[in-house]
Amino acid sequence: MTYKIKDIISTLMNIENYPFDLDTDLKYMDTLTERYPQLDLDDVIKDYATYKLDHPLKPSDNPRSQINTACKKSVEWGKNLKKQNGSQSIYKDLSNYEP
């Protein structure tokens, strides 16, 4: 497992009221990596978590949809882009992960 996925998981787990589910979130992060290969997903998630400090999640919110929107906006604004080219998933080696 890469350090980036551990950082992302840790960040998600620390967002107040985030409905963390390891399997769901790992699959979703892999989907986002494929959908937005130019983004540094760790940076997007950290920005999202920082935003949530001032705008806490409500029960009616869909945080995974909000993260997808954050990714879309990052692409649109040219923010949180990977420093090196490549679309290889950072989430492939997950077989031995335990939170």
C-alpha atoms as a PDB file:
ATOM      1  CA  MET A   1       0.000   0.000   0.000  1.00  0.00           C
ATOM      2  CA  THR A   2       1.244   3.436  -0.836  1.00  0.00           C
ATOM      3  CA  TYR A   3       1.662   6.246   1.619  1.00  0.00           C
ATOM      4  CA  LYS A   4      -0.793   8.366  -0.416  1.00  0.00           C
ATOM      5  CA  ILE A   5      -3.717   5.998   0.125  1.00  0.00           C
ATOM      6  CA  LYS A   6      -2.934   5.881   3.833  1.00  0.00           C
ATOM      7  CA  ASP A   7      -2.941   9.684   3.916  1.00  0.00           C
ATOM      8  CA  ILE A   8      -6.241   9.861   2.036  1.00  0.00           C
ATOM      9  CA  ILE A   9      -7.865   7.310   4.334  1.00  0.00           C
ATOM     10  CA  SER A  10      -6.603   9.131   7.401  1.00  0.00           C
ATOM     11  CA  THR A  11      -7.901  12.439   6.074  1.00  0.00           C
ATOM     12  CA  LEU A  12     -11.337  11.006   5.284  1.00  0.00           C
ATOM     13  CA  MET A  13     -11.599   9.362   8.700  1.00  0.00           C
ATOM     14  CA  ASN A  14     -10.937  12.708  10.360  1.00  0.00           C
ATOM     15  CA  ILE A  15     -13.690  14.633   8.568  1.00  0.00           C
ATOM     16  CA  GLU A  16     -16.495  15.154  11.043  1.00  0.00           C
ATOM     17  CA  ASN A  17     -19.637  13.176  10.098  1.00  0.00           C
ATOM     18  CA  TYR A  18     -17.994  11.623   7.032  1.00  0.00           C
ATOM     19  CA  PRO A  19     -19.596   8.171   6.511  1.00  0.00           C
ATOM     20  CA  PHE A  20     -16.267   6.363   6.165  1.00  0.00           C
ATOM     21  CA  ASP A  21     -16.433   2.852   4.755  1.00  0.00           C
ATOM     22  CA  LEU A  22     -13.079   1.350   3.811  1.00  0.00           C
ATOM     23  CA  ASP A  23     -14.249  -0.776   0.870  1.00  0.00           C
ATOM     24  CA  THR A  24     -16.548   1.888  -0.546  1.00  0.00           C
ATOM     25  CA  ASP A  25     -13.987   4.647  -0.201  1.00  0.00           C
ATOM     26  CA  LEU A  26     -11.122   2.617  -1.666  1.00  0.00           C
ATOM     27  CA  LYS A  27     -13.226   1.774  -4.711  1.00  0.00           C
ATOM     28  CA  TYR A  28     -14.372   5.366  -5.022  1.00  0.00           C
ATOM     29  CA  MET A  29     -10.820   6.726  -4.821  1.00  0.00           C
ATOM     30  CA  ASP A  30      -9.793   4.288  -7.537  1.00  0.00           C
ATOM     31  CA  THR A  31     -12.719   5.500  -9.674  1.00  0.00           C
ATOM     32  CA  LEU A  32     -11.685   9.110  -9.121  1.00  0.00           C
ATOM     33  CA  THR A  33      -8.092   8.262 -10.037  1.00  0.00           C
ATOM     34  CA  GLU A  34      -9.284   6.816 -13.332  1.00  0.00           C
ATOM     35  CA  ARG A  35     -11.708   9.693 -13.940  1.00  0.00           C
ATOM     36  CA  TYR A  36      -9.189  12.431 -13.071  1.00  0.00           C
ATOM     37  CA  PRO A  37      -5.722  10.997 -13.822  1.00  0.00           C
ATOM     38  CA  GLN A  38      -4.143  14.447 -13.889  1.00  0.00           C
ATOM     39  CA  LEU A  39      -5.041  15.206 -10.259  1.00  0.00           C
ATOM     40  CA  ASP A  40      -3.129  14.571  -7.073  1.00  0.00           C
ATOM     41  CA  LEU A  41      -6.098  13.098  -5.242  1.00  0.00           C
ATOM     42  CA  ASP A  42      -4.398  13.399  -1.868  1.00  0.00           C
ATOM     43  CA  ASP A  43      -4.226  17.186  -2.318  1.00  0.00           C
ATOM     44  CA  VAL A  44      -7.874  17.374  -3.428  1.00  0.00           C
ATOM     45  CA  ILE A  45      -9.016  15.407  -0.361  1.00  0.00           C
ATOM     46  CA  LYS A  46      -6.923  17.583   1.967  1.00  0.00           C
ATOM     47  CA  ASP A  47      -8.454  20.733   0.470  1.00  0.00           C
ATOM     48  CA  TYR A  48     -11.918  19.206   0.845  1.00  0.00           C
ATOM     49  CA  ALA A  49     -11.240  18.333   4.496  1.00  0.00           C
ATOM     50  CA  THR A  50     -10.041  21.873   5.175  1.00  0.00           C
ATOM     51  CA  TYR A  51     -13.191  23.281   3.569  1.00  0.00           C
ATOM     52  CA  LYS A  52     -15.313  20.988   5.744  1.00  0.00           C
ATOM     53  CA  LEU A  53     -13.825  22.512   8.899  1.00  0.00           C
ATOM     54  CA  ASP A  54     -15.853  25.674   8.181  1.00  0.00           C
ATOM     55  CA  HIS A  55     -18.730  23.922   6.403  1.00  0.00           C
ATOM     56  CA  PRO A  56     -19.466  20.714   8.362  1.00  0.00           C
ATOM     57  CA  LEU A  57     -21.281  17.843   6.722  1.00  0.00           C
ATOM     58  CA  LYS A  58     -25.006  17.669   7.319  1.00  0.00           C
ATOM     59  CA  PRO A  59     -26.990  14.415   7.308  1.00  0.00           C
ATOM     60  CA  SER A  60     -28.501  15.315   3.929  1.00  0.00           C
ATOM     61  CA  ASP A  61     -25.081  15.896   2.288  1.00  0.00           C
ATOM     62  CA  ASN A  62     -23.502  13.453  -0.125  1.00  0.00           C
ATOM     63  CA  PRO A  63     -19.784  13.810   0.653  1.00  0.00           C
ATOM     64  CA  ARG A  64     -18.586  11.503  -2.129  1.00  0.00           C
ATOM     65  CA  SER A  65     -20.476  13.596  -4.655  1.00  0.00           C
ATOM     66  CA  GLN A  66     -18.939  16.708  -3.098  1.00  0.00           C
ATOM     67  CA  ILE A  67     -15.472  15.187  -3.498  1.00  0.00           C
ATOM     68  CA  ASN A  68     -16.213  14.469  -7.152  1.00  0.00           C
ATOM     69  CA  THR A  69     -17.255  18.113  -7.575  1.00  0.00           C
ATOM     70  CA  ALA A  70     -14.028  19.194  -5.862  1.00  0.00           C
ATOM     71  CA  CYS A  71     -12.124  17.097  -8.410  1.00  0.00           C
ATOM     72  CA  LYS A  72     -14.045  18.663 -11.313  1.00  0.00           C
ATOM     73  CA  LYS A  73     -13.322  22.150  -9.993  1.00  0.00           C
ATOM     74  CA  SER A  74      -9.653  21.329  -9.460  1.00  0.00           C
ATOM     75  CA  VAL A  75      -9.371  20.320 -13.110  1.00  0.00           C
ATOM     76  CA  GLU A  76     -11.292  23.418 -14.198  1.00  0.00           C
ATOM     77  CA  TRP A  77      -9.078  25.716 -12.112  1.00  0.00           C
ATOM     78  CA  GLY A  78      -5.819  23.861 -12.850  1.00  0.00           C
ATOM     79  CA  LYS A  79      -5.380  23.168  -9.145  1.00  0.00           C
ATOM     80  CA  ASN A  80      -3.996  20.051  -7.374  1.00  0.00           C
ATOM     81  CA  LEU A  81      -2.436  18.709 -10.559  1.00  0.00           C
ATOM     82  CA  LYS A  82       0.100  15.905 -10.385  1.00  0.00           C
ATOM     83  CA  LYS A  83       3.664  17.031 -10.593  1.00  0.00           C
ATOM     84  CA  GLN A  84       4.517  14.177 -12.980  1.00  0.00           C
ATOM     85  CA  ASN A  85       2.466  12.769 -15.813  1.00  0.00           C
ATOM     86  CA  GLY A  86       0.894   9.364 -15.402  1.00  0.00           C
ATOM     87  CA  SER A  87      -2.445   7.809 -14.739  1.00  0.00           C
ATOM     88  CA  GLN A  88      -1.336   4.722 -12.864  1.00  0.00           C
ATOM     89  CA  SER A  89      -3.612   4.066  -9.951  1.00  0.00           C
ATOM     90  CA  ILE A  90      -2.089   4.519  -6.511  1.00  0.00           C
ATOM     91  CA  TYR A  91      -4.769   2.252  -5.046  1.00  0.00           C
ATOM     92  CA  LYS A  92      -3.929  -1.112  -6.577  1.00  0.00           C
ATOM     93  CA  ASP A  93      -1.986  -2.732  -3.730  1.00  0.00           C
ATOM     94  CA  LEU A  94      -4.681  -2.828  -1.046  1.00  0.00           C
ATOM     95  CA  SER A  95      -4.690  -6.487  -0.126  1.00  0.00           C
ATOM     96  CA  ASN A  96      -2.988  -6.095   3.257  1.00  0.00           C
ATOM     97  CA  TYR A  97      -4.467  -2.826   4.458  1.00  0.00           C
ATOM     98  CA  GLU A  98      -6.044  -2.587   7.883  1.00  0.00           C
ATOM     99  CA  PRO A  99      -7.102   0.809   9.264  1.00  0.00           C
END
